Amino acid sequence: YKHERECNAIIGQTREDKVVRLESLMDGVLSKDDFLDEEFASLMHEHKLLKDMYENHPEVLQTRIELKRAQEELESFKNFYGDMGEREVLLE
């Protein structure tokens, strides 16, 4: 849950920043082009943060480890059954 709270905090902060930018746009403090530039930069930053958090999520890391082990085991079976053949190995 800690990880989800951190992600939600990032999203919440991004939304608050957007409200401030929208208010500045409506008040005439920020031009339309500046608003769009800042909005794009903000979204890119949010995307990077969330992507980094996703890639470092404990469940994702655990799944990657399990996948690597399964791939190694599959490769081992392919080598055992594919190269020599199961029957030939057992007859030796």
N, C-alpha and C. Protein backbone atom coordinates (compact mmCIF):
# COMPACT_ATOMS: atom_id res chain seq x y z
N TYR A 1 0.81 -1.20 0.00
CA TYR A 1 0.00 0.00 0.00
C TYR A 1 0.85 1.26 0.00
N LYS A 2 2.03 1.16 0.57
CA LYS A 2 2.91 2.32 0.63
C LYS A 2 3.22 2.81 -0.78
N HIS A 3 3.52 1.88 -1.64
CA HIS A 3 3.86 2.22 -3.02
C HIS A 3 2.69 2.92 -3.71
N GLU A 4 1.49 2.41 -3.50
CA GLU A 4 0.30 3.02 -4.10
C GLU A 4 0.05 4.42 -3.55
N ARG A 5 0.28 4.60 -2.25
CA ARG A 5 0.12 5.93 -1.65
C ARG A 5 1.10 6.92 -2.27
N GLU A 6 2.34 6.46 -2.50
CA GLU A 6 3.34 7.33 -3.11
C GLU A 6 2.92 7.73 -4.53
N CYS A 7 2.43 6.77 -5.29
CA CYS A 7 1.96 7.06 -6.66
C CYS A 7 0.79 8.03 -6.62
N ASN A 8 -0.15 7.80 -5.71
CA ASN A 8 -1.31 8.69 -5.59
C ASN A 8 -0.90 10.09 -5.17
N ALA A 9 0.13 10.18 -4.33
CA ALA A 9 0.62 11.50 -3.90
C ALA A 9 1.21 12.25 -5.09
N ILE A 10 1.94 11.55 -5.95
CA ILE A 10 2.51 12.18 -7.15
C ILE A 10 1.39 12.68 -8.05
N ILE A 11 0.41 11.84 -8.27
CA ILE A 11 -0.72 12.22 -9.13
C ILE A 11 -1.48 13.40 -8.53
N GLY A 12 -1.69 13.36 -7.22
CA GLY A 12 -2.39 14.45 -6.54
C GLY A 12 -1.64 15.77 -6.67
N GLN A 13 -0.32 15.72 -6.48
CA GLN A 13 0.48 16.94 -6.60
C GLN A 13 0.44 17.47 -8.02
N THR A 14 0.50 16.57 -8.99
CA THR A 14 0.43 16.99 -10.39
C THR A 14 -0.90 17.67 -10.68
N ARG A 15 -1.97 17.14 -10.13
CA ARG A 15 -3.29 17.74 -10.35
C ARG A 15 -3.39 19.12 -9.71
N GLU A 16 -2.83 19.24 -8.51
CA GLU A 16 -2.84 20.55 -7.83
C GLU A 16 -2.05 21.58 -8.64
N ASP A 17 -0.90 21.16 -9.17
CA ASP A 17 -0.10 22.06 -10.01
C ASP A 17 -0.88 22.48 -11.26
N LYS A 18 -1.64 21.55 -11.81
CA LYS A 18 -2.42 21.86 -13.01
C LYS A 18 -3.50 22.90 -12.69
N VAL A 19 -4.13 22.76 -11.54
CA VAL A 19 -5.15 23.73 -11.13
C VAL A 19 -4.53 25.12 -11.02
N VAL A 20 -3.35 25.20 -10.44
CA VAL A 20 -2.66 26.49 -10.31
C VAL A 20 -2.37 27.07 -11.69
N ARG A 21 -1.90 26.23 -12.61
CA ARG A 21 -1.62 26.70 -13.98
C ARG A 21 -2.91 27.16 -14.67
N LEU A 22 -3.99 26.40 -14.50
CA LEU A 22 -5.26 26.79 -15.11
C LEU A 22 -5.77 28.12 -14.54
N GLU A 23 -5.62 28.29 -13.24
CA GLU A 23 -6.03 29.56 -12.64
C GLU A 23 -5.19 30.72 -13.19
N SER A 24 -3.89 30.48 -13.36
CA SER A 24 -3.02 31.52 -13.92
C SER A 24 -3.42 31.83 -15.36
N LEU A 25 -3.80 30.81 -16.10
CA LEU A 25 -4.25 31.02 -17.48
C LEU A 25 -5.53 31.84 -17.50
N MET A 26 -6.47 31.49 -16.63
CA MET A 26 -7.75 32.20 -16.59
C MET A 26 -7.59 33.65 -16.12
N ASP A 27 -6.63 33.88 -15.22
CA ASP A 27 -6.40 35.24 -14.71
C ASP A 27 -5.57 36.08 -15.67
N GLY A 28 -5.07 35.47 -16.74
CA GLY A 28 -4.27 36.20 -17.71
C GLY A 28 -2.81 36.33 -17.32
N VAL A 29 -2.41 35.67 -16.25
CA VAL A 29 -1.01 35.71 -15.80
C VAL A 29 -0.14 34.86 -16.72
N LEU A 30 -0.72 33.80 -17.24
CA LEU A 30 -0.01 32.84 -18.08
C LEU A 30 -0.64 32.83 -19.46
N SER A 31 0.21 32.92 -20.49
CA SER A 31 -0.33 32.88 -21.85
C SER A 31 -0.70 31.44 -22.21
N LYS A 32 -1.49 31.30 -23.26
CA LYS A 32 -1.93 29.97 -23.70
C LYS A 32 -0.73 29.11 -24.06
N ASP A 33 0.22 29.69 -24.81
CA ASP A 33 1.40 28.92 -25.21
C ASP A 33 2.25 28.51 -24.01
N ASP A 34 2.41 29.43 -23.06
CA ASP A 34 3.17 29.09 -21.85
C ASP A 34 2.45 28.00 -21.05
N PHE A 35 1.13 28.10 -20.99
CA PHE A 35 0.36 27.08 -20.29
C PHE A 35 0.57 25.72 -20.93
N LEU A 36 0.48 25.67 -22.26
CA LEU A 36 0.65 24.39 -22.95
C LEU A 36 2.06 23.84 -22.77
N ASP A 37 3.06 24.72 -22.81
CA ASP A 37 4.44 24.27 -22.60
C ASP A 37 4.62 23.70 -21.19
N GLU A 38 4.10 24.42 -20.20
CA GLU A 38 4.22 23.95 -18.82
C GLU A 38 3.42 22.67 -18.59
N GLU A 39 2.27 22.58 -19.21
CA GLU A 39 1.44 21.38 -19.08
C GLU A 39 2.15 20.17 -19.67
N PHE A 40 2.75 20.35 -20.84
CA PHE A 40 3.48 19.26 -21.48
C PHE A 40 4.66 18.82 -20.60
N ALA A 41 5.42 19.79 -20.10
CA ALA A 41 6.57 19.47 -19.24
C ALA A 41 6.11 18.73 -17.98
N SER A 42 5.01 19.18 -17.41
CA SER A 42 4.48 18.55 -16.21
C SER A 42 4.05 17.11 -16.48
N LEU A 43 3.37 16.90 -17.59
CA LEU A 43 2.92 15.54 -17.93
C LEU A 43 4.10 14.61 -18.20
N MET A 44 5.12 15.13 -18.86
CA MET A 44 6.32 14.32 -19.12
C MET A 44 6.99 13.94 -17.80
N HIS A 45 7.06 14.90 -16.88
CA HIS A 45 7.67 14.65 -15.58
C HIS A 45 6.85 13.61 -14.79
N GLU A 46 5.54 13.77 -14.79
CA GLU A 46 4.67 12.82 -14.10
C GLU A 46 4.83 11.42 -14.70
N HIS A 47 4.88 11.35 -16.01
CA HIS A 47 5.04 10.05 -16.69
C HIS A 47 6.35 9.39 -16.27
N LYS A 48 7.43 10.16 -16.24
CA LYS A 48 8.73 9.61 -15.85
C LYS A 48 8.70 9.10 -14.42
N LEU A 49 8.14 9.89 -13.51
CA LEU A 49 8.08 9.48 -12.11
C LEU A 49 7.27 8.19 -11.94
N LEU A 50 6.11 8.14 -12.57
CA LEU A 50 5.25 6.96 -12.43
C LEU A 50 5.88 5.74 -13.09
N LYS A 51 6.55 5.95 -14.21
CA LYS A 51 7.23 4.84 -14.89
C LYS A 51 8.34 4.28 -13.99
N ASP A 52 9.13 5.17 -13.40
CA ASP A 52 10.19 4.73 -12.49
C ASP A 52 9.62 3.98 -11.30
N MET A 53 8.51 4.47 -10.76
CA MET A 53 7.90 3.80 -9.61
C MET A 53 7.33 2.44 -10.01
N TYR A 54 6.78 2.35 -11.21
CA TYR A 54 6.24 1.07 -11.70
C TYR A 54 7.38 0.06 -11.85
N GLU A 55 8.48 0.51 -12.47
CA GLU A 55 9.58 -0.41 -12.73
C GLU A 55 10.24 -0.87 -11.44
N ASN A 56 10.13 -0.10 -10.37
CA ASN A 56 10.72 -0.48 -9.10
C ASN A 56 9.70 -1.01 -8.10
N HIS A 57 8.49 -1.27 -8.57
CA HIS A 57 7.44 -1.81 -7.70
C HIS A 57 7.86 -3.22 -7.26
N PRO A 58 7.74 -3.53 -5.97
CA PRO A 58 8.17 -4.84 -5.46
C PRO A 58 7.54 -6.02 -6.20
N GLU A 59 6.27 -5.94 -6.54
CA GLU A 59 5.61 -7.05 -7.24
C GLU A 59 6.17 -7.22 -8.65
N VAL A 60 6.47 -6.11 -9.31
CA VAL A 60 7.03 -6.18 -10.66
C VAL A 60 8.42 -6.80 -10.60
N LEU A 61 9.23 -6.37 -9.63
CA LEU A 61 10.57 -6.93 -9.49
C LEU A 61 10.51 -8.42 -9.20
N GLN A 62 9.61 -8.84 -8.33
CA GLN A 62 9.47 -10.26 -8.00
C GLN A 62 9.04 -11.06 -9.24
N THR A 63 8.13 -10.51 -10.02
CA THR A 63 7.67 -11.19 -11.23
C THR A 63 8.81 -11.32 -12.24
N ARG A 64 9.64 -10.30 -12.34
CA ARG A 64 10.79 -10.38 -13.25
C ARG A 64 11.75 -11.48 -12.84
N ILE A 65 11.99 -11.61 -11.54
CA ILE A 65 12.87 -12.67 -11.04
C ILE A 65 12.27 -14.04 -11.36
N GLU A 66 10.99 -14.20 -11.10
CA GLU A 66 10.32 -15.48 -11.39
C GLU A 66 10.35 -15.79 -12.88
N LEU A 67 10.14 -14.78 -13.71
CA LEU A 67 10.18 -14.98 -15.16
C LEU A 67 11.56 -15.42 -15.61
N LYS A 68 12.59 -14.79 -15.07
CA LYS A 68 13.96 -15.16 -15.45
C LYS A 68 14.25 -16.61 -15.06
N ARG A 69 13.83 -17.00 -13.87
CA ARG A 69 14.04 -18.39 -13.43
C ARG A 69 13.29 -19.37 -14.34
N ALA A 70 12.06 -19.04 -14.70
CA ALA A 70 11.28 -19.91 -15.58
C ALA A 70 11.92 -20.00 -16.95
N GLN A 71 12.45 -18.89 -17.46
CA GLN A 71 13.11 -18.91 -18.76
C GLN A 71 14.37 -19.78 -18.71
N GLU A 72 15.12 -19.69 -17.61
CA GLU A 72 16.32 -20.52 -17.47
C GLU A 72 15.95 -21.99 -17.39
N GLU A 73 14.89 -22.31 -16.66
CA GLU A 73 14.44 -23.70 -16.56
C GLU A 73 13.96 -24.21 -17.91
N LEU A 74 13.24 -23.39 -18.64
CA LEU A 74 12.78 -23.77 -19.97
C LEU A 74 13.97 -24.03 -20.89
N GLU A 75 14.96 -23.18 -20.83
CA GLU A 75 16.16 -23.36 -21.66
C GLU A 75 16.87 -24.66 -21.30
N SER A 76 16.91 -24.96 -20.01
CA SER A 76 17.53 -26.21 -19.56
C SER A 76 16.78 -27.42 -20.12
N PHE A 77 15.45 -27.39 -20.07
CA PHE A 77 14.65 -28.48 -20.63
C PHE A 77 14.85 -28.58 -22.14
N LYS A 78 14.90 -27.45 -22.81
CA LYS A 78 15.12 -27.47 -24.26
C LYS A 78 16.45 -28.12 -24.59
N ASN A 79 17.47 -27.77 -23.81
CA ASN A 79 18.79 -28.35 -24.05
C ASN A 79 18.79 -29.85 -23.79
N PHE A 80 18.12 -30.27 -22.73
CA PHE A 80 18.09 -31.69 -22.38
C PHE A 80 17.29 -32.50 -23.38
N TYR A 81 16.09 -32.03 -23.71
CA TYR A 81 15.20 -32.79 -24.58
C TYR A 81 15.46 -32.53 -26.05
N GLY A 82 16.00 -31.39 -26.38
CA GLY A 82 16.15 -31.02 -27.78
C GLY A 82 17.44 -31.49 -28.42
N ASP A 83 18.56 -31.31 -27.73
CA ASP A 83 19.85 -31.61 -28.34
C ASP A 83 20.05 -33.10 -28.54
N MET A 84 19.97 -33.86 -27.47
CA MET A 84 20.24 -35.28 -27.56
C MET A 84 18.96 -36.09 -27.69
N GLY A 85 17.90 -35.57 -27.21
CA GLY A 85 16.65 -36.33 -27.19
C GLY A 85 16.53 -37.08 -25.89
N GLU A 86 15.34 -37.08 -25.33
CA GLU A 86 15.11 -37.71 -24.03
C GLU A 86 15.40 -39.21 -24.08
N ARG A 87 14.96 -39.85 -25.13
CA ARG A 87 15.12 -41.30 -25.23
C ARG A 87 16.59 -41.69 -25.26
N GLU A 88 17.39 -40.97 -26.06
CA GLU A 88 18.82 -41.28 -26.15
C GLU A 88 19.52 -41.09 -24.82
N VAL A 89 19.15 -40.04 -24.09
CA VAL A 89 19.77 -39.79 -22.79
C VAL A 89 19.41 -40.89 -21.82
N LEU A 90 18.16 -41.32 -21.82
CA LEU A 90 17.73 -42.35 -20.88
C LEU A 90 18.31 -43.72 -21.23
N LEU A 91 18.59 -43.98 -22.51
CA LEU A 91 19.14 -45.27 -22.91
C LEU A 91 20.63 -45.39 -22.62
N GLU A 92 21.29 -44.28 -22.42
CA GLU A 92 22.74 -44.33 -22.16
C GLU A 92 23.06 -44.89 -20.81
